[in-house]
PDB file of N, CA and C in Angstrom:
ATOM      1  N   MET A   1       0.819  -1.185   0.000  1.00  0.00           N
ATOM      2  CA  MET A   1       0.000   0.000   0.000  1.00  0.00           C
ATOM      3  C   MET A   1       0.870   1.259   0.000  1.00  0.00           C
ATOM      4  N   HIS A   2       1.891   1.267   0.885  1.00  0.00           N
ATOM      5  CA  HIS A   2       2.748   2.453   0.954  1.00  0.00           C
ATOM      6  C   HIS A   2       3.513   2.666  -0.354  1.00  0.00           C
ATOM      7  N   GLY A   3       3.865   1.575  -1.027  1.00  0.00           N
ATOM      8  CA  GLY A   3       4.573   1.684  -2.294  1.00  0.00           C
ATOM      9  C   GLY A   3       3.732   2.366  -3.359  1.00  0.00           C
ATOM     10  N   ARG A   4       2.451   2.073  -3.383  1.00  0.00           N
ATOM     11  CA  ARG A   4       1.563   2.693  -4.368  1.00  0.00           C
ATOM     12  C   ARG A   4       1.391   4.181  -4.070  1.00  0.00           C
ATOM     13  N   ILE A   5       1.273   4.532  -2.777  1.00  0.00           N
ATOM     14  CA  ILE A   5       1.117   5.940  -2.405  1.00  0.00           C
ATOM     15  C   ILE A   5       2.371   6.712  -2.760  1.00  0.00           C
ATOM     16  N   ASP A   6       3.541   6.132  -2.442  1.00  0.00           N
ATOM     17  CA  ASP A   6       4.801   6.797  -2.788  1.00  0.00           C
ATOM     18  C   ASP A   6       4.920   6.988  -4.292  1.00  0.00           C
ATOM     19  N   GLY A   7       4.507   5.982  -5.051  1.00  0.00           N
ATOM     20  CA  GLY A   7       4.566   6.090  -6.506  1.00  0.00           C
ATOM     21  C   GLY A   7       3.663   7.191  -7.039  1.00  0.00           C
ATOM     22  N   VAL A   8       2.482   7.308  -6.465  1.00  0.00           N
ATOM     23  CA  VAL A   8       1.545   8.352  -6.888  1.00  0.00           C
ATOM     24  C   VAL A   8       2.104   9.725  -6.545  1.00  0.00           C
ATOM     25  N   ILE A   9       2.645   9.856  -5.330  1.00  0.00           N
ATOM     26  CA  ILE A   9       3.213  11.150  -4.908  1.00  0.00           C
ATOM     27  C   ILE A   9       4.391  11.524  -5.801  1.00  0.00           C
ATOM     28  N   ASN A  10       5.273  10.577  -6.060  1.00  0.00           N
ATOM     29  CA  ASN A  10       6.416  10.859  -6.938  1.00  0.00           C
ATOM     30  C   ASN A  10       5.957  11.220  -8.344  1.00  0.00           C
ATOM     31  N   GLY A  11       4.931  10.541  -8.813  1.00  0.00           N
ATOM     32  CA  GLY A  11       4.405  10.844 -10.146  1.00  0.00           C
ATOM     33  C   GLY A  11       3.833  12.250 -10.212  1.00  0.00           C
ATOM     34  N   LEU A  12       3.139  12.658  -9.173  1.00  0.00           N
ATOM     35  CA  LEU A  12       2.585  14.010  -9.147  1.00  0.00           C
ATOM     36  C   LEU A  12       3.684  15.058  -9.081  1.00  0.00           C
ATOM     37  N   ILE A  13       4.701  14.773  -8.273  1.00  0.00           N
ATOM     38  CA  ILE A  13       5.808  15.730  -8.150  1.00  0.00           C
ATOM     39  C   ILE A  13       6.527  15.876  -9.482  1.00  0.00           C
ATOM     40  N   ILE A  14       6.843  14.775 -10.115  1.00  0.00           N
ATOM     41  CA  ILE A  14       7.557  14.828 -11.391  1.00  0.00           C
ATOM     42  C   ILE A  14       6.685  15.476 -12.458  1.00  0.00           C
ATOM     43  N   TYR A  15       5.381  15.192 -12.458  1.00  0.00           N
ATOM     44  CA  TYR A  15       4.470  15.766 -13.441  1.00  0.00           C
ATOM     45  C   TYR A  15       4.371  17.279 -13.305  1.00  0.00           C
ATOM     46  N   HIS A  16       4.441  17.801 -12.070  1.00  0.00           N
ATOM     47  CA  HIS A  16       4.267  19.227 -11.838  1.00  0.00           C
ATOM     48  C   HIS A  16       5.567  20.027 -11.859  1.00  0.00           C
ATOM     49  N   LEU A  17       6.695  19.363 -11.949  1.00  0.00           N
ATOM     50  CA  LEU A  17       7.961  20.092 -12.023  1.00  0.00           C
ATOM     51  C   LEU A  17       8.136  20.700 -13.407  1.00  0.00           C
ATOM     52  N   PRO A  18       8.595  21.942 -13.495  1.00  0.00           N
ATOM     53  CA  PRO A  18       8.841  22.528 -14.809  1.00  0.00           C
ATOM     54  C   PRO A  18      10.061  21.879 -15.446  1.00  0.00           C
ATOM     55  N   PRO A  19      10.146  21.894 -16.766  1.00  0.00           N
ATOM     56  CA  PRO A  19      11.311  21.309 -17.424  1.00  0.00           C
ATOM     57  C   PRO A  19      12.569  22.067 -17.016  1.00  0.00           C
ATOM     58  N   SER A  20      13.691  21.374 -17.012  1.00  0.00           N
ATOM     59  CA  SER A  20      14.923  22.036 -16.574  1.00  0.00           C
ATOM     60  C   SER A  20      15.231  23.202 -17.504  1.00  0.00           C
ATOM     61  N   GLY A  21      15.695  24.284 -16.923  1.00  0.00           N
ATOM     62  CA  GLY A  21      15.965  25.498 -17.685  1.00  0.00           C
ATOM     63  C   GLY A  21      14.768  26.418 -17.785  1.00  0.00           C
ATOM     64  N   ALA A  22      13.591  25.950 -17.373  1.00  0.00           N
ATOM     65  CA  ALA A  22      12.387  26.772 -17.470  1.00  0.00           C
ATOM     66  C   ALA A  22      12.293  27.792 -16.340  1.00  0.00           C
ATOM     67  N   ILE A  23      13.020  27.547 -15.262  1.00  0.00           N
ATOM     68  CA  ILE A  23      12.983  28.476 -14.134  1.00  0.00           C
ATOM     69  C   ILE A  23      13.964  29.598 -14.418  1.00  0.00           C
ATOM     70  N   LYS A  24      13.464  30.807 -14.433  1.00  0.00           N
ATOM     71  CA  LYS A  24      14.306  31.967 -14.716  1.00  0.00           C
ATOM     72  C   LYS A  24      14.629  32.690 -13.420  1.00  0.00           C
ATOM     73  N   ASN A  25      15.753  33.354 -13.407  1.00  0.00           N
ATOM     74  CA  ASN A  25      16.131  34.170 -12.265  1.00  0.00           C
ATOM     75  C   ASN A  25      15.254  35.412 -12.254  1.00  0.00           C
ATOM     76  N   THR A  26      14.454  35.568 -11.222  1.00  0.00           N
ATOM     77  CA  THR A  26      13.536  36.703 -11.137  1.00  0.00           C
ATOM     78  C   THR A  26      14.178  37.906 -10.481  1.00  0.00           C
ATOM     79  N   GLY A  27      15.414  37.772 -10.013  1.00  0.00           N
ATOM     80  CA  GLY A  27      16.096  38.883  -9.370  1.00  0.00           C
ATOM     81  C   GLY A  27      15.782  38.987  -7.891  1.00  0.00           C
ATOM     82  N   TYR A  28      14.938  38.098  -7.390  1.00  0.00           N
ATOM     83  CA  TYR A  28      14.622  38.129  -5.974  1.00  0.00           C
ATOM     84  C   TYR A  28      15.724  37.445  -5.192  1.00  0.00           C
ATOM     85  N   LYS A  29      16.053  38.028  -4.069  1.00  0.00           N
ATOM     86  CA  LYS A  29      17.066  37.457  -3.189  1.00  0.00           C
ATOM     87  C   LYS A  29      16.396  36.428  -2.281  1.00  0.00           C
ATOM     88  N   LYS A  30      17.041  35.287  -2.122  1.00  0.00           N
ATOM     89  CA  LYS A  30      16.511  34.301  -1.198  1.00  0.00           C
ATOM     90  C   LYS A  30      16.619  34.864   0.209  1.00  0.00           C
ATOM     91  N   ILE A  31      15.564  34.715   0.964  1.00  0.00           N
ATOM     92  CA  ILE A  31      15.542  35.218   2.327  1.00  0.00           C
ATOM     93  C   ILE A  31      15.745  34.053   3.275  1.00  0.00           C
ATOM     94  N   ASN A  32      16.713  34.209   4.138  1.00  0.00           N
ATOM     95  CA  ASN A  32      16.966  33.212   5.163  1.00  0.00           C
ATOM     96  C   ASN A  32      16.506  33.821   6.483  1.00  0.00           C
ATOM     97  N   PRO A  33      15.334  33.435   6.983  1.00  0.00           N
ATOM     98  CA  PRO A  33      14.804  34.071   8.188  1.00  0.00           C
ATOM     99  C   PRO A  33      15.714  33.924   9.401  1.00  0.00           C
ATOM    100  N   VAL A  34      16.424  32.807   9.492  1.00  0.00           N
ATOM    101  CA  VAL A  34      17.321  32.618  10.630  1.00  0.00           C
ATOM    102  C   VAL A  34      18.468  33.602  10.557  1.00  0.00           C
ATOM    103  N   GLU A  35      19.060  33.734   9.388  1.00  0.00           N
ATOM    104  CA  GLU A  35      20.177  34.660   9.222  1.00  0.00           C
ATOM    105  C   GLU A  35      19.717  36.100   9.423  1.00  0.00           C
ATOM    106  N   ASP A  36      18.548  36.436   8.878  1.00  0.00           N
ATOM    107  CA  ASP A  36      18.020  37.781   9.027  1.00  0.00           C
ATOM    108  C   ASP A  36      17.711  38.080  10.486  1.00  0.00           C
ATOM    109  N   GLY A  37      17.109  37.137  11.183  1.00  0.00           N
ATOM    110  CA  GLY A  37      16.807  37.313  12.604  1.00  0.00           C
ATOM    111  C   GLY A  37      18.066  37.456  13.434  1.00  0.00           C
ATOM    112  N   PHE A  38      19.072  36.649  13.106  1.00  0.00           N
ATOM    113  CA  PHE A  38      20.338  36.712  13.845  1.00  0.00           C
ATOM    114  C   PHE A  38      21.017  38.063  13.631  1.00  0.00           C
ATOM    115  N   SER A  39      20.994  38.574  12.418  1.00  0.00           N
ATOM    116  CA  SER A  39      21.620  39.876  12.163  1.00  0.00           C
ATOM    117  C   SER A  39      20.868  40.986  12.893  1.00  0.00           C
ATOM    118  N   GLN A  40      19.554  40.862  13.009  1.00  0.00           N
ATOM    119  CA  GLN A  40      18.782  41.846  13.765  1.00  0.00           C
ATOM    120  C   GLN A  40      19.136  41.796  15.250  1.00  0.00           C
ATOM    121  N   ILE A  41      19.336  40.593  15.774  1.00  0.00           N
ATOM    122  CA  ILE A  41      19.738  40.448  17.176  1.00  0.00           C
ATOM    123  C   ILE A  41      21.109  41.066  17.388  1.00  0.00           C
ATOM    124  N   MET A  42      22.036  40.819  16.465  1.00  0.00           N
ATOM    125  CA  MET A  42      23.377  41.384  16.597  1.00  0.00           C
ATOM    126  C   MET A  42      23.344  42.909  16.522  1.00  0.00           C
ATOM    127  N   GLN A  43      22.525  43.454  15.650  1.00  0.00           N
ATOM    128  CA  GLN A  43      22.407  44.906  15.534  1.00  0.00           C
ATOM    129  C   GLN A  43      21.799  45.492  16.805  1.00  0.00           C
ATOM    130  N   ALA A  44      20.780  44.849  17.337  1.00  0.00           N
ATOM    131  CA  ALA A  44      20.149  45.329  18.571  1.00  0.00           C
ATOM    132  C   ALA A  44      21.128  45.261  19.733  1.00  0.00           C
ATOM    133  N   THR A  45      21.917  44.201  19.796  1.00  0.00           N
ATOM    134  CA  THR A  45      22.918  44.064  20.848  1.00  0.00           C
ATOM    135  C   THR A  45      23.944  45.186  20.759  1.00  0.00           C
ATOM    136  N   GLY A  46      24.396  45.476  19.557  1.00  0.00           N
ATOM    137  CA  GLY A  46      25.343  46.575  19.369  1.00  0.00           C
ATOM    138  C   GLY A  46      24.750  47.914  19.777  1.00  0.00           C
ATOM    139  N   ASN A  47      23.487  48.136  19.441  1.00  0.00           N
ATOM    140  CA  ASN A  47      22.812  49.381  19.831  1.00  0.00           C
ATOM    141  C   ASN A  47      22.668  49.487  21.348  1.00  0.00           C
ATOM    142  N   ILE A  48      22.366  48.384  22.009  1.00  0.00           N
ATOM    143  CA  ILE A  48      22.236  48.393  23.467  1.00  0.00           C
ATOM    144  C   ILE A  48      23.584  48.705  24.111  1.00  0.00           C
ATOM    145  N   ARG A  49      24.644  48.066  23.611  1.00  0.00           N
ATOM    146  CA  ARG A  49      25.977  48.334  24.167  1.00  0.00           C
ATOM    147  C   ARG A  49      26.375  49.792  23.982  1.00  0.00           C
ATOM    148  N   GLU A  50      26.123  50.312  22.799  1.00  0.00           N
ATOM    149  CA  GLU A  50      26.468  51.707  22.540  1.00  0.00           C
ATOM    150  C   GLU A  50      25.622  52.646  23.401  1.00  0.00           C
ATOM    151  N   THR A  51      24.354  52.314  23.573  1.00  0.00           N
ATOM    152  CA  THR A  51      23.485  53.125  24.419  1.00  0.00           C
ATOM    153  C   THR A  51      23.992  53.145  25.858  1.00  0.00           C
ATOM    154  N   MET A  52      24.403  51.999  26.370  1.00  0.00           N
ATOM    155  CA  MET A  52      24.935  51.937  27.739  1.00  0.00           C
ATOM    156  C   MET A  52      26.214  52.760  27.863  1.00  0.00           C
ATOM    157  N   ARG A  53      27.094  52.652  26.878  1.00  0.00           N
ATOM    158  CA  ARG A  53      28.338  53.421  26.897  1.00  0.00           C
ATOM    159  C   ARG A  53      28.050  54.917  26.848  1.00  0.00           C
ATOM    160  N   LEU A  54      27.123  55.315  25.987  1.00  0.00           N
ATOM    161  CA  LEU A  54      26.773  56.728  25.865  1.00  0.00           C
ATOM    162  C   LEU A  54      26.078  57.246  27.128  1.00  0.00           C
ATOM    163  N   LYS A  55      25.260  56.416  27.757  1.00  0.00           N
ATOM    164  CA  LYS A  55      24.582  56.829  28.986  1.00  0.00           C
ATOM    165  C   LYS A  55      25.596  57.103  30.090  1.00  0.00           C
ATOM    166  N   ILE A  56      26.593  56.255  30.205  1.00  0.00           N
ATOM    167  CA  ILE A  56      27.649  56.469  31.203  1.00  0.00           C
ATOM    168  C   ILE A  56      28.371  57.787  30.919  1.00  0.00           C
ATOM    169  N   LEU A  57      28.666  58.027  29.649  1.00  0.00           N
ATOM    170  CA  LEU A  57      29.347  59.271  29.261  1.00  0.00           C
ATOM    171  C   LEU A  57      28.476  60.482  29.575  1.00  0.00           C
ATOM    172  N   VAL A  58      27.197  60.425  29.204  1.00  0.00           N
ATOM    173  CA  VAL A  58      26.290  61.548  29.455  1.00  0.00           C
ATOM    174  C   VAL A  58      26.148  61.788  30.959  1.00  0.00           C
ATOM    175  N   ASP A  59      26.001  60.720  31.729  1.00  0.00           N
ATOM    176  CA  ASP A  59      25.885  60.861  33.185  1.00  0.00           C
ATOM    177  C   ASP A  59      27.122  61.512  33.791  1.00  0.00           C
ATOM    178  N   SER A  60      28.297  61.115  33.318  1.00  0.00           N
ATOM    179  CA  SER A  60      29.522  61.700  33.866  1.00  0.00           C
ATOM    180  C   SER A  60      29.654  63.173  33.470  1.00  0.00           C
ATOM    181  N   LEU A  61      29.257  63.514  32.262  1.00  0.00           N
ATOM    182  CA  LEU A  61      29.364  64.906  31.822  1.00  0.00           C
ATOM    183  C   LEU A  61      28.325  65.798  32.510  1.00  0.00           C
ATOM    184  N   THR A  62      27.114  65.282  32.672  1.00  0.00           N
ATOM    185  CA  THR A  62      26.087  66.107  33.315  1.00  0.00           C
ATOM    186  C   THR A  62      26.319  66.220  34.814  1.00  0.00           C
ATOM    187  N   GLY A  63      27.147  65.368  35.368  1.00  0.00           N
ATOM    188  CA  GLY A  63      27.474  65.442  36.788  1.00  0.00           C
ATOM    189  C   GLY A  63      28.489  66.534  37.110  1.00  0.00           C
ATOM    190  N   LYS A  64      29.139  67.060  36.101  1.00  0.00           N
ATOM    191  CA  LYS A  64      30.123  68.123  36.309  1.00  0.00           C
ATOM    192  C   LYS A  64      29.407  69.436  36.606  1.00  0.00           C
ATOM    193  N   LYS A  65      30.053  70.263  37.410  1.00  0.00           N
ATOM    194  CA  LYS A  65      29.473  71.571  37.732  1.00  0.00           C
ATOM    195  C   LYS A  65      29.573  72.519  36.549  1.00  0.00           C
ATOM    196  N   GLN A  66      30.654  72.380  35.796  1.00  0.00           N
ATOM    197  CA  GLN A  66      30.838  73.251  34.627  1.00  0.00           C
ATOM    198  C   GLN A  66      31.476  72.429  33.508  1.00  0.00           C
ATOM    199  N   LEU A  67      30.957  72.630  32.311  1.00  0.00           N
ATOM    200  CA  LEU A  67      31.471  71.893  31.159  1.00  0.00           C
ATOM    201  C   LEU A  67      32.462  72.747  30.382  1.00  0.00           C
ATOM    202  N   SER A  68      33.536  72.092  29.947  1.00  0.00           N
ATOM    203  CA  SER A  68      34.468  72.773  29.048  1.00  0.00           C
ATOM    204  C   SER A  68      33.860  72.756  27.650  1.00  0.00           C
ATOM    205  N   ARG A  69      34.507  73.427  26.731  1.00  0.00           N
ATOM    206  CA  ARG A  69      34.035  73.441  25.352  1.00  0.00           C
ATOM    207  C   ARG A  69      34.049  72.026  24.771  1.00  0.00           C
ATOM    208  N   GLU A  70      35.108  71.264  25.067  1.00  0.00           N
ATOM    209  CA  GLU A  70      35.205  69.882  24.576  1.00  0.00           C
ATOM    210  C   GLU A  70      34.111  69.010  25.190  1.00  0.00           C
ATOM    211  N   ASP A  71      33.871  69.198  26.505  1.00  0.00           N
ATOM    212  CA  ASP A  71      32.808  68.435  27.170  1.00  0.00           C
ATOM    213  C   ASP A  71      31.450  68.725  26.546  1.00  0.00           C
ATOM    214  N   SER A  72      31.214  69.995  26.257  1.00  0.00           N
ATOM    215  CA  SER A  72      29.942  70.397  25.666  1.00  0.00           C
ATOM    216  C   SER A  72      29.750  69.767  24.286  1.00  0.00           C
ATOM    217  N   THR A  73      30.806  69.769  23.499  1.00  0.00           N
ATOM    218  CA  THR A  73      30.752  69.154  22.163  1.00  0.00           C
ATOM    219  C   THR A  73      30.536  67.651  22.269  1.00  0.00           C
ATOM    220  N   LEU A  74      31.238  67.023  23.204  1.00  0.00           N
ATOM    221  CA  LEU A  74      31.115  65.586  23.413  1.00  0.00           C
ATOM    222  C   LEU A  74      29.703  65.227  23.874  1.00  0.00           C
ATOM    223  N   LEU A  75      29.153  66.022  24.783  1.00  0.00           N
ATOM    224  CA  LEU A  75      27.796  65.796  25.262  1.00  0.00           C
ATOM    225  C   LEU A  75      26.783  65.951  24.131  1.00  0.00           C
ATOM    226  N   ASP A  76      26.956  66.953  23.323  1.00  0.00           N
ATOM    227  CA  ASP A  76      26.056  67.183  22.198  1.00  0.00           C
ATOM    228  C   ASP A  76      26.085  66.017  21.217  1.00  0.00           C
ATOM    229  N   SER A  77      27.277  65.527  20.889  1.00  0.00           N
ATOM    230  CA  SER A  77      27.364  64.415  19.933  1.00  0.00           C
ATOM    231  C   SER A  77      26.824  63.119  20.540  1.00  0.00           C
ATOM    232  N   ALA A  78      27.031  62.915  21.850  1.00  0.00           N
ATOM    233  CA  ALA A  78      26.515  61.711  22.505  1.00  0.00           C
ATOM    234  C   ALA A  78      24.985  61.732  22.515  1.00  0.00           C
ATOM    235  N   LEU A  79      24.409  62.885  22.819  1.00  0.00           N
ATOM    236  CA  LEU A  79      22.946  62.988  22.826  1.00  0.00           C
ATOM    237  C   LEU A  79      22.367  62.832  21.422  1.00  0.00           C
ATOM    238  N   ASP A  80      23.082  63.347  20.427  1.00  0.00           N
ATOM    239  CA  ASP A  80      22.639  63.192  19.040  1.00  0.00           C
ATOM    240  C   ASP A  80      22.655  61.725  18.635  1.00  0.00           C
ATOM    241  N   ARG A  81      23.705  61.013  19.004  1.00  0.00           N
ATOM    242  CA  ARG A  81      23.809  59.588  18.670  1.00  0.00           C
ATOM    243  C   ARG A  81      22.723  58.783  19.391  1.00  0.00           C
ATOM    244  N   LEU A  82      22.458  59.114  20.654  1.00  0.00           N
ATOM    245  CA  LEU A  82      21.383  58.439  21.384  1.00  0.00           C
ATOM    246  C   LEU A  82      20.036  58.658  20.706  1.00  0.00           C
ATOM    247  N   SER A  83      19.823  59.855  20.208  1.00  0.00           N
ATOM    248  CA  SER A  83      18.592  60.161  19.499  1.00  0.00           C
ATOM    249  C   SER A  83      18.463  59.320  18.229  1.00  0.00           C
ATOM    250  N   LYS A  84      19.570  59.160  17.511  1.00  0.00           N
ATOM    251  CA  LYS A  84      19.542  58.347  16.278  1.00  0.00           C
ATOM    252  C   LYS A  84      19.285  56.873  16.592  1.00  0.00           C
ATOM    253  N   ILE A  85      19.887  56.374  17.660  1.00  0.00           N
ATOM    254  CA  ILE A  85      19.640  54.986  18.049  1.00  0.00           C
ATOM    255  C   ILE A  85      18.173  54.815  18.428  1.00  0.00           C
ATOM    256  N   HIS A  86      17.633  55.788  19.171  1.00  0.00           N
ATOM    257  CA  HIS A  86      16.238  55.719  19.580  1.00  0.00           C
ATOM    258  C   HIS A  86      15.304  55.707  18.362  1.00  0.00           C
ATOM    259  N   GLN A  87      15.631  56.428  17.313  1.00  0.00           N
ATOM    260  CA  GLN A  87      14.810  56.467  16.101  1.00  0.00           C
ATOM    261  C   GLN A  87      14.763  55.107  15.414  1.00  0.00           C
ATOM    262  N   THR A  88      15.856  54.326  15.495  1.00  0.00           N
ATOM    263  CA  THR A  88      15.869  53.009  14.857  1.00  0.00           C
ATOM    264  C   THR A  88      15.001  52.016  15.610  1.00  0.00           C
ATOM    265  N   LEU A  89      14.681  52.316  16.860  1.00  0.00           N
ATOM    266  CA  LEU A  89      13.859  51.399  17.657  1.00  0.00           C
ATOM    267  C   LEU A  89      12.378  51.562  17.397  1.00  0.00           C
ATOM    268  N   LYS A  90      11.984  52.637  16.757  1.00  0.00           N
ATOM    269  CA  LYS A  90      10.563  52.904  16.504  1.00  0.00           C
ATOM    270  C   LYS A  90      10.054  52.117  15.336  1.00  0.00           C
TER     271      LYS A  90
END
């Protein structure tokens, strides 16, 4: 019984396959959900690490009584980068 079912299934598969060379490249990229998901996790991890590093920097700079010109520039760029990271999370 199983032999007949396998034969029918194989016959249907072979009957429905296009002839070799009939499949054209459509220009679509194959999507690997595991690879795509893993790259998203790696990107999120990098953003979290950078956010933590920037938060420590911002906290140390805002804790000062007076900022130098360099401190002010550094604080401005750190806050700008945090804003850009936050935009990617939306």
